[in-house]
Amino acid sequence: MKEEEINQLADTIRESAFAAHKYFKNGFLEKVYENSLRNRLRKMGLNVEQQVAIPVLDEDGSVVGDYVADLIVEGSILIELKAVKTISDEHIAQVLAYLRGTEMDHGLLINFGASKLQIRKFIHQS
């Protein structure tokens, strides 16, 4: 997928996350937001995989573990969802580690737990 297409997809995901947060506000468990975002994106015709096991690769290509992605949209953007008071350094490190350990280059960290939706985009170029 071209960079422009990735950016458009990320914008679509952001808009859908904002709509879900506007409707539900904060206070629900992460799974409610995950299911809502998946539902909204699928209704737009996007391919959304949920709770996908992704092998984590060592530098020689050996599988050293698995990571379960909350959502993967169009096979191009990994989404890690949170429902916490605020995004912490540990959450950022988690997304960066997932991107380093997988073959994906684009990730979004979305926190529905705060009164204002928090979204961070990450790019890992292998």
C-alpha atoms as a PDB file:
ATOM      1  CA  MET A   1       0.000   0.000   0.000  1.00  0.00           C
ATOM      2  CA  LYS A   2       1.338   3.449  -0.899  1.00  0.00           C
ATOM      3  CA  GLU A   3       2.073   6.004   1.817  1.00  0.00           C
ATOM      4  CA  GLU A   4      -0.837   8.212   0.703  1.00  0.00           C
ATOM      5  CA  GLU A   5      -3.235   5.242   0.947  1.00  0.00           C
ATOM      6  CA  ILE A   6      -1.894   4.375   4.409  1.00  0.00           C
ATOM      7  CA  ASN A   7      -2.460   7.964   5.550  1.00  0.00           C
ATOM      8  CA  GLN A   8      -6.015   7.972   4.181  1.00  0.00           C
ATOM      9  CA  LEU A   9      -6.708   4.649   5.909  1.00  0.00           C
ATOM     10  CA  ALA A  10      -5.269   5.972   9.185  1.00  0.00           C
ATOM     11  CA  ASP A  11      -7.546   9.027   8.887  1.00  0.00           C
ATOM     12  CA  THR A  12     -10.563   6.764   8.332  1.00  0.00           C
ATOM     13  CA  ILE A  13      -9.627   4.730  11.414  1.00  0.00           C
ATOM     14  CA  ARG A  14      -9.187   7.916  13.466  1.00  0.00           C
ATOM     15  CA  GLU A  15     -12.604   9.227  12.376  1.00  0.00           C
ATOM     16  CA  SER A  16     -14.259   5.899  13.236  1.00  0.00           C
ATOM     17  CA  ALA A  17     -12.517   5.788  16.626  1.00  0.00           C
ATOM     18  CA  PHE A  18     -13.648   9.347  17.317  1.00  0.00           C
ATOM     19  CA  ALA A  19     -17.260   8.440  16.426  1.00  0.00           C
ATOM     20  CA  ALA A  20     -17.145   5.397  18.722  1.00  0.00           C
ATOM     21  CA  HIS A  21     -15.689   7.481  21.556  1.00  0.00           C
ATOM     22  CA  LYS A  22     -18.278  10.196  21.024  1.00  0.00           C
ATOM     23  CA  TYR A  23     -21.052   7.596  21.295  1.00  0.00           C
ATOM     24  CA  PHE A  24     -19.708   5.456  24.165  1.00  0.00           C
ATOM     25  CA  LYS A  25     -17.537   8.069  25.893  1.00  0.00           C
ATOM     26  CA  ASN A  26     -15.034   6.610  28.362  1.00  0.00           C
ATOM     27  CA  GLY A  27     -15.743   4.029  31.053  1.00  0.00           C
ATOM     28  CA  PHE A  28     -16.259   0.771  29.159  1.00  0.00           C
ATOM     29  CA  LEU A  29     -13.870  -2.150  28.954  1.00  0.00           C
ATOM     30  CA  GLU A  30     -11.408  -2.220  26.055  1.00  0.00           C
ATOM     31  CA  LYS A  31     -13.338  -5.035  24.337  1.00  0.00           C
ATOM     32  CA  VAL A  32     -16.418  -2.830  23.832  1.00  0.00           C
ATOM     33  CA  TYR A  33     -14.349  -0.250  21.953  1.00  0.00           C
ATOM     34  CA  GLU A  34     -12.520  -2.957  20.000  1.00  0.00           C
ATOM     35  CA  ASN A  35     -15.788  -4.511  18.844  1.00  0.00           C
ATOM     36  CA  SER A  36     -17.310  -1.126  18.032  1.00  0.00           C
ATOM     37  CA  LEU A  37     -14.305  -0.011  15.974  1.00  0.00           C
ATOM     38  CA  ARG A  38     -14.214  -3.342  14.149  1.00  0.00           C
ATOM     39  CA  ASN A  39     -17.926  -3.083  13.411  1.00  0.00           C
ATOM     40  CA  ARG A  40     -17.719   0.506  12.154  1.00  0.00           C
ATOM     41  CA  LEU A  41     -14.741  -0.202   9.873  1.00  0.00           C
ATOM     42  CA  ARG A  42     -16.286  -3.373   8.442  1.00  0.00           C
ATOM     43  CA  LYS A  43     -19.508  -1.501   7.656  1.00  0.00           C
ATOM     44  CA  MET A  44     -17.338   0.829   5.555  1.00  0.00           C
ATOM     45  CA  GLY A  45     -16.192  -2.190   3.542  1.00  0.00           C
ATOM     46  CA  LEU A  46     -12.730  -2.471   5.083  1.00  0.00           C
ATOM     47  CA  ASN A  47     -11.054  -5.784   5.818  1.00  0.00           C
ATOM     48  CA  VAL A  48     -10.628  -5.905   9.597  1.00  0.00           C
ATOM     49  CA  GLU A  49      -9.101  -8.840  11.430  1.00  0.00           C
ATOM     50  CA  GLN A  50      -9.573  -9.067  15.188  1.00  0.00           C
ATOM     51  CA  GLN A  51      -7.363 -10.774  17.800  1.00  0.00           C
ATOM     52  CA  VAL A  52      -4.910 -12.011  15.170  1.00  0.00           C
ATOM     53  CA  ALA A  53      -1.890 -14.043  16.260  1.00  0.00           C
ATOM     54  CA  ILE A  54       1.182 -12.583  14.594  1.00  0.00           C
ATOM     55  CA  PRO A  55       4.552 -14.315  14.829  1.00  0.00           C
ATOM     56  CA  VAL A  56       7.318 -12.208  16.323  1.00  0.00           C
ATOM     57  CA  LEU A  57      10.529 -12.717  14.409  1.00  0.00           C
ATOM     58  CA  ASP A  58      14.130 -12.646  15.570  1.00  0.00           C
ATOM     59  CA  GLU A  59      16.673 -10.891  13.348  1.00  0.00           C
ATOM     60  CA  ASP A  60      17.427 -14.158  11.524  1.00  0.00           C
ATOM     61  CA  GLY A  61      13.726 -14.654  10.760  1.00  0.00           C
ATOM     62  CA  SER A  62      13.144 -17.303  13.426  1.00  0.00           C
ATOM     63  CA  VAL A  63       9.784 -17.191  15.184  1.00  0.00           C
ATOM     64  CA  VAL A  64      10.425 -16.386  18.851  1.00  0.00           C
ATOM     65  CA  GLY A  65       6.866 -15.828  20.027  1.00  0.00           C
ATOM     66  CA  ASP A  66       3.443 -14.571  19.115  1.00  0.00           C
ATOM     67  CA  TYR A  67       1.716 -11.267  19.606  1.00  0.00           C
ATOM     68  CA  VAL A  68      -2.055 -10.980  19.407  1.00  0.00           C
ATOM     69  CA  ALA A  69      -3.039  -7.813  17.565  1.00  0.00           C
ATOM     70  CA  ASP A  70      -6.259  -6.187  18.714  1.00  0.00           C
ATOM     71  CA  LEU A  71      -7.080  -5.202  15.120  1.00  0.00           C
ATOM     72  CA  ILE A  72      -5.364  -5.254  11.749  1.00  0.00           C
ATOM     73  CA  VAL A  73      -6.974  -3.142   9.054  1.00  0.00           C
ATOM     74  CA  GLU A  74      -6.491  -3.933   5.372  1.00  0.00           C
ATOM     75  CA  GLY A  75      -3.434  -5.988   6.308  1.00  0.00           C
ATOM     76  CA  SER A  76      -1.534  -2.702   6.631  1.00  0.00           C
ATOM     77  CA  ILE A  77      -2.199  -1.005   9.964  1.00  0.00           C
ATOM     78  CA  LEU A  78      -1.819  -2.687  13.338  1.00  0.00           C
ATOM     79  CA  ILE A  79      -4.078  -1.212  16.029  1.00  0.00           C
ATOM     80  CA  GLU A  80      -3.425  -1.539  19.735  1.00  0.00           C
ATOM     81  CA  LEU A  81      -6.381  -0.398  21.843  1.00  0.00           C
ATOM     82  CA  LYS A  82      -6.399   0.749  25.440  1.00  0.00           C
ATOM     83  CA  ALA A  83      -9.088   1.860  27.872  1.00  0.00           C
ATOM     84  CA  VAL A  84      -6.898   3.527  30.496  1.00  0.00           C
ATOM     85  CA  LYS A  85      -6.646   6.948  32.126  1.00  0.00           C
ATOM     86  CA  THR A  86      -3.821   8.018  29.799  1.00  0.00           C
ATOM     87  CA  ILE A  87      -1.299   6.561  27.366  1.00  0.00           C
ATOM     88  CA  SER A  88       1.929   5.669  29.148  1.00  0.00           C
ATOM     89  CA  ASP A  89       5.486   5.060  27.985  1.00  0.00           C
ATOM     90  CA  GLU A  90       4.852   1.325  28.421  1.00  0.00           C
ATOM     91  CA  HIS A  91       1.986   1.426  25.903  1.00  0.00           C
ATOM     92  CA  ILE A  92       4.163   3.252  23.383  1.00  0.00           C
ATOM     93  CA  ALA A  93       7.000   0.771  23.935  1.00  0.00           C
ATOM     94  CA  GLN A  94       4.523  -2.077  23.420  1.00  0.00           C
ATOM     95  CA  VAL A  95       3.401  -0.808  19.997  1.00  0.00           C
ATOM     96  CA  LEU A  96       6.968  -0.081  18.904  1.00  0.00           C
ATOM     97  CA  ALA A  97       8.034  -3.570  19.996  1.00  0.00           C
ATOM     98  CA  TYR A  98       5.158  -5.146  18.069  1.00  0.00           C
ATOM     99  CA  LEU A  99       6.148  -3.240  14.938  1.00  0.00           C
ATOM    100  CA  ARG A 100       9.832  -4.180  15.360  1.00  0.00           C
ATOM    101  CA  GLY A 101       9.010  -7.815  15.995  1.00  0.00           C
ATOM    102  CA  THR A 102       6.579  -8.207  13.113  1.00  0.00           C
ATOM    103  CA  GLU A 103       6.788  -7.300   9.466  1.00  0.00           C
ATOM    104  CA  MET A 104       4.301  -4.433   9.785  1.00  0.00           C
ATOM    105  CA  ASP A 105       5.391  -0.824   9.353  1.00  0.00           C
ATOM    106  CA  HIS A 106       2.344   1.158  10.526  1.00  0.00           C
ATOM    107  CA  GLY A 107       0.622   1.143  13.890  1.00  0.00           C
ATOM    108  CA  LEU A 108      -1.954   3.134  15.801  1.00  0.00           C
ATOM    109  CA  LEU A 109      -2.255   3.275  19.569  1.00  0.00           C
ATOM    110  CA  ILE A 110      -5.786   4.347  20.500  1.00  0.00           C
ATOM    111  CA  ASN A 111      -6.898   5.032  24.060  1.00  0.00           C
ATOM    112  CA  PHE A 112     -10.633   5.195  24.701  1.00  0.00           C
ATOM    113  CA  GLY A 113     -10.293   5.414  28.499  1.00  0.00           C
ATOM    114  CA  ALA A 114      -9.674   9.154  28.781  1.00  0.00           C
ATOM    115  CA  SER A 115     -12.386  11.793  28.508  1.00  0.00           C
ATOM    116  CA  LYS A 116     -10.641  12.954  25.314  1.00  0.00           C
ATOM    117  CA  LEU A 117      -9.762  10.247  22.762  1.00  0.00           C
ATOM    118  CA  GLN A 118      -5.996   9.710  22.479  1.00  0.00           C
ATOM    119  CA  ILE A 119      -4.456   8.458  19.224  1.00  0.00           C
ATOM    120  CA  ARG A 120      -0.787   8.048  18.351  1.00  0.00           C
ATOM    121  CA  LYS A 121       0.532   6.891  14.975  1.00  0.00           C
ATOM    122  CA  PHE A 122       3.793   4.994  14.660  1.00  0.00           C
ATOM    123  CA  ILE A 123       5.897   4.091  11.641  1.00  0.00           C
ATOM    124  CA  HIS A 124       8.596   1.446  11.695  1.00  0.00           C
ATOM    125  CA  GLN A 125      10.675   1.156   8.580  1.00  0.00           C
ATOM    126  CA  SER A 126      12.371  -2.206   8.361  1.00  0.00           C
END
